[in-house]
N, C-alpha and C. Protein backbone atom coordinates (compact mmCIF):
# COMPACT_ATOMS: atom_id res chain seq x y z
N MET A 1 0.84 -1.16 0.00
CA MET A 1 0.00 0.00 0.00
C MET A 1 0.90 1.24 0.00
N SER A 2 0.61 2.19 -0.83
CA SER A 2 1.45 3.38 -0.89
C SER A 2 0.79 4.55 -0.17
N ASN A 3 1.57 5.56 0.07
CA ASN A 3 1.08 6.76 0.73
C ASN A 3 1.52 7.94 -0.11
N ASN A 4 0.72 8.34 -1.05
CA ASN A 4 1.08 9.42 -1.96
C ASN A 4 1.05 10.80 -1.30
N ASN A 5 0.40 10.91 -0.14
CA ASN A 5 0.33 12.20 0.54
C ASN A 5 1.61 12.54 1.29
N GLN A 6 2.45 11.57 1.56
CA GLN A 6 3.71 11.73 2.28
C GLN A 6 3.53 12.50 3.59
N VAL A 7 2.48 12.17 4.33
CA VAL A 7 2.29 12.77 5.65
C VAL A 7 3.31 12.22 6.62
N SER A 8 3.50 12.88 7.75
CA SER A 8 4.67 12.58 8.56
C SER A 8 4.43 11.83 9.85
N TYR A 9 3.22 11.43 10.18
CA TYR A 9 3.00 10.72 11.44
C TYR A 9 1.73 9.90 11.38
N HIS A 10 1.66 8.90 12.26
CA HIS A 10 0.43 8.14 12.44
C HIS A 10 -0.46 8.80 13.49
N VAL A 11 0.15 9.17 14.62
CA VAL A 11 -0.61 9.69 15.76
C VAL A 11 0.07 10.94 16.29
N THR A 12 -0.71 11.91 16.70
CA THR A 12 -0.18 13.08 17.40
C THR A 12 -0.86 13.15 18.77
N VAL A 13 -0.08 13.50 19.78
CA VAL A 13 -0.57 13.51 21.16
C VAL A 13 -0.20 14.84 21.79
N ASP A 14 -1.16 15.43 22.50
CA ASP A 14 -0.84 16.62 23.29
C ASP A 14 -1.31 16.40 24.72
N ASP A 15 -1.44 17.47 25.47
CA ASP A 15 -1.82 17.34 26.87
C ASP A 15 -3.32 17.10 27.06
N LYS A 16 -4.08 17.07 25.97
CA LYS A 16 -5.52 16.88 26.08
C LYS A 16 -6.03 15.61 25.40
N GLU A 17 -5.42 15.22 24.27
CA GLU A 17 -5.94 14.09 23.51
C GLU A 17 -4.88 13.51 22.57
N SER A 18 -5.23 12.38 21.98
CA SER A 18 -4.41 11.80 20.92
C SER A 18 -5.31 11.63 19.70
N ILE A 19 -4.74 11.90 18.54
CA ILE A 19 -5.49 11.81 17.29
C ILE A 19 -4.69 10.96 16.31
N GLN A 20 -5.32 9.91 15.80
CA GLN A 20 -4.68 9.07 14.79
C GLN A 20 -5.06 9.62 13.43
N ALA A 21 -4.05 10.01 12.66
CA ALA A 21 -4.27 10.61 11.35
C ALA A 21 -4.23 9.58 10.23
N ILE A 22 -3.40 8.56 10.40
CA ILE A 22 -3.21 7.55 9.35
C ILE A 22 -3.31 6.17 10.00
N PRO A 23 -4.02 5.23 9.39
CA PRO A 23 -4.08 3.87 9.95
C PRO A 23 -2.69 3.24 10.01
N PHE A 24 -2.48 2.36 10.97
CA PHE A 24 -1.19 1.72 11.17
C PHE A 24 -0.79 0.81 10.01
N ASN A 25 -1.73 0.41 9.18
CA ASN A 25 -1.37 -0.45 8.05
C ASN A 25 -0.90 0.35 6.84
N ARG A 26 -0.75 1.67 6.99
CA ARG A 26 -0.21 2.52 5.94
C ARG A 26 1.11 3.11 6.42
N ASN A 27 2.06 3.22 5.52
CA ASN A 27 3.33 3.83 5.91
C ASN A 27 3.21 5.35 5.90
N VAL A 28 4.02 5.99 6.72
CA VAL A 28 4.13 7.45 6.72
C VAL A 28 5.60 7.80 6.54
N TRP A 29 5.85 9.03 6.18
CA TRP A 29 7.21 9.47 5.87
C TRP A 29 7.74 10.26 7.06
N HIS A 30 8.39 9.54 7.97
CA HIS A 30 8.89 10.16 9.20
C HIS A 30 10.34 9.84 9.48
N CYS A 31 10.90 8.85 8.81
CA CYS A 31 12.31 8.47 9.03
C CYS A 31 13.14 9.01 7.87
N GLY A 32 14.28 9.48 8.19
CA GLY A 32 15.15 10.01 7.14
C GLY A 32 16.55 10.24 7.68
N GLY A 33 17.34 10.89 6.90
CA GLY A 33 18.68 11.24 7.32
C GLY A 33 19.72 10.20 6.96
N SER A 34 19.31 9.10 6.38
CA SER A 34 20.26 8.06 5.99
C SER A 34 20.52 8.18 4.50
N THR A 35 21.73 7.89 4.08
CA THR A 35 22.03 7.86 2.66
C THR A 35 21.67 6.52 2.03
N ASP A 36 21.31 5.55 2.87
CA ASP A 36 20.91 4.23 2.39
C ASP A 36 19.40 4.21 2.18
N PRO A 37 18.92 4.20 0.93
CA PRO A 37 17.48 4.23 0.68
C PRO A 37 16.75 3.05 1.31
N ASN A 38 17.41 1.90 1.44
CA ASN A 38 16.75 0.75 2.07
C ASN A 38 16.53 0.99 3.56
N ALA A 39 17.43 1.69 4.22
CA ALA A 39 17.25 1.99 5.64
C ALA A 39 16.06 2.91 5.84
N ILE A 40 15.92 3.91 4.99
CA ILE A 40 14.78 4.82 5.08
C ILE A 40 13.48 4.07 4.82
N LYS A 41 13.48 3.22 3.80
CA LYS A 41 12.30 2.44 3.45
C LYS A 41 11.88 1.56 4.63
N LYS A 42 12.83 0.86 5.23
CA LYS A 42 12.51 -0.01 6.35
C LYS A 42 11.99 0.80 7.53
N GLY A 43 12.63 1.92 7.83
CA GLY A 43 12.20 2.75 8.95
C GLY A 43 10.79 3.27 8.78
N ASN A 44 10.46 3.71 7.58
CA ASN A 44 9.12 4.23 7.33
C ASN A 44 8.08 3.12 7.28
N TRP A 45 8.43 1.97 6.76
CA TRP A 45 7.46 0.90 6.58
C TRP A 45 7.32 -0.01 7.78
N LEU A 46 8.31 -0.06 8.64
CA LEU A 46 8.29 -1.02 9.74
C LEU A 46 8.15 -0.37 11.10
N SER A 47 7.69 0.86 11.14
CA SER A 47 7.54 1.54 12.42
C SER A 47 6.29 2.40 12.42
N ILE A 48 5.86 2.76 13.61
CA ILE A 48 4.71 3.64 13.80
C ILE A 48 5.25 4.93 14.41
N ASP A 49 4.83 6.06 13.86
CA ASP A 49 5.33 7.35 14.34
C ASP A 49 4.27 8.05 15.19
N ILE A 50 4.66 8.41 16.40
CA ILE A 50 3.79 9.13 17.32
C ILE A 50 4.49 10.42 17.71
N LYS A 51 3.87 11.53 17.43
CA LYS A 51 4.44 12.85 17.73
C LYS A 51 3.85 13.39 19.02
N ILE A 52 4.72 13.91 19.89
CA ILE A 52 4.27 14.61 21.09
C ILE A 52 4.34 16.10 20.78
N CYS A 53 3.24 16.81 20.97
CA CYS A 53 3.11 18.17 20.46
C CYS A 53 3.85 19.25 21.25
N HIS A 54 4.16 19.04 22.48
CA HIS A 54 4.81 20.08 23.26
C HIS A 54 6.28 19.73 23.48
N SER A 55 7.13 20.74 23.47
CA SER A 55 8.54 20.51 23.77
C SER A 55 8.73 20.44 25.28
N LYS A 56 9.89 19.95 25.69
CA LYS A 56 10.18 19.85 27.12
C LYS A 56 10.11 21.21 27.81
N SER A 57 10.35 22.28 27.08
CA SER A 57 10.30 23.61 27.69
C SER A 57 8.87 24.05 28.02
N SER A 58 7.88 23.26 27.62
CA SER A 58 6.48 23.58 27.93
C SER A 58 6.09 23.15 29.34
N GLY A 59 7.03 22.58 30.09
CA GLY A 59 6.80 22.24 31.49
C GLY A 59 5.71 21.21 31.69
N LEU A 60 4.71 21.56 32.48
CA LEU A 60 3.64 20.63 32.84
C LEU A 60 2.89 20.13 31.61
N ARG A 61 2.64 20.98 30.65
CA ARG A 61 1.92 20.55 29.45
C ARG A 61 2.67 19.42 28.74
N TYR A 62 4.01 19.52 28.67
CA TYR A 62 4.79 18.46 28.05
C TYR A 62 4.71 17.18 28.87
N ARG A 63 4.83 17.28 30.18
CA ARG A 63 4.78 16.08 31.02
C ARG A 63 3.43 15.38 30.89
N VAL A 64 2.35 16.14 30.82
CA VAL A 64 1.02 15.55 30.63
C VAL A 64 0.92 14.93 29.24
N ALA A 65 1.41 15.62 28.22
CA ALA A 65 1.38 15.08 26.86
C ALA A 65 2.21 13.80 26.77
N GLU A 66 3.36 13.80 27.43
CA GLU A 66 4.21 12.60 27.43
C GLU A 66 3.50 11.43 28.10
N GLU A 67 2.83 11.67 29.20
CA GLU A 67 2.07 10.60 29.88
C GLU A 67 0.92 10.12 28.99
N ASN A 68 0.25 11.04 28.31
CA ASN A 68 -0.81 10.66 27.38
C ASN A 68 -0.25 9.76 26.27
N ALA A 69 0.95 10.07 25.78
CA ALA A 69 1.58 9.24 24.75
C ALA A 69 1.89 7.85 25.29
N VAL A 70 2.38 7.78 26.52
CA VAL A 70 2.66 6.48 27.15
C VAL A 70 1.39 5.65 27.22
N GLN A 71 0.30 6.27 27.65
CA GLN A 71 -0.97 5.55 27.76
C GLN A 71 -1.47 5.10 26.39
N HIS A 72 -1.33 5.96 25.40
CA HIS A 72 -1.77 5.63 24.04
C HIS A 72 -0.97 4.44 23.50
N ILE A 73 0.34 4.48 23.68
CA ILE A 73 1.20 3.40 23.21
C ILE A 73 0.88 2.09 23.94
N ALA A 74 0.71 2.17 25.25
CA ALA A 74 0.38 0.97 26.04
C ALA A 74 -0.92 0.34 25.56
N LYS A 75 -1.90 1.17 25.23
CA LYS A 75 -3.18 0.66 24.72
C LYS A 75 -2.97 -0.16 23.46
N HIS A 76 -2.14 0.34 22.54
CA HIS A 76 -1.92 -0.37 21.28
C HIS A 76 -1.04 -1.60 21.47
N LEU A 77 -0.08 -1.53 22.36
CA LEU A 77 0.72 -2.73 22.64
C LEU A 77 -0.18 -3.86 23.11
N LYS A 78 -1.10 -3.53 24.00
CA LYS A 78 -2.03 -4.54 24.51
C LYS A 78 -3.00 -4.99 23.42
N GLN A 79 -3.55 -4.04 22.68
CA GLN A 79 -4.54 -4.34 21.63
C GLN A 79 -3.96 -5.31 20.58
N PHE A 80 -2.73 -5.08 20.16
CA PHE A 80 -2.13 -5.89 19.10
C PHE A 80 -1.28 -7.04 19.62
N GLY A 81 -1.12 -7.15 20.95
CA GLY A 81 -0.31 -8.21 21.52
C GLY A 81 1.17 -8.03 21.26
N TRP A 82 1.60 -6.78 21.13
CA TRP A 82 3.00 -6.47 20.86
C TRP A 82 3.77 -6.35 22.17
N GLY A 83 5.03 -6.72 22.15
CA GLY A 83 5.91 -6.52 23.30
C GLY A 83 6.64 -5.20 23.18
N ILE A 84 7.51 -4.95 24.12
CA ILE A 84 8.25 -3.69 24.08
C ILE A 84 9.55 -3.79 23.29
N LYS A 85 9.90 -4.97 22.83
CA LYS A 85 11.10 -5.13 22.01
C LYS A 85 10.78 -4.77 20.59
């Protein structure tokens, strides 16, 4: 399955909610920086990208957003029977 829109994440999380933009069975374009095209392909196709919206300098809002991301990830690990490796 291809992703012609080249969007950059599956899920975005802030201090209030998480929103899934792209289904997990579709790749997104979030890995890069390698000169090896196969490394980029594997990174984009074999991983799920979750963005946390606040930087660490946002203080409490970042800590809440980070905890929301942890909860969101834990939900999917359980749902799909995935481990942490």
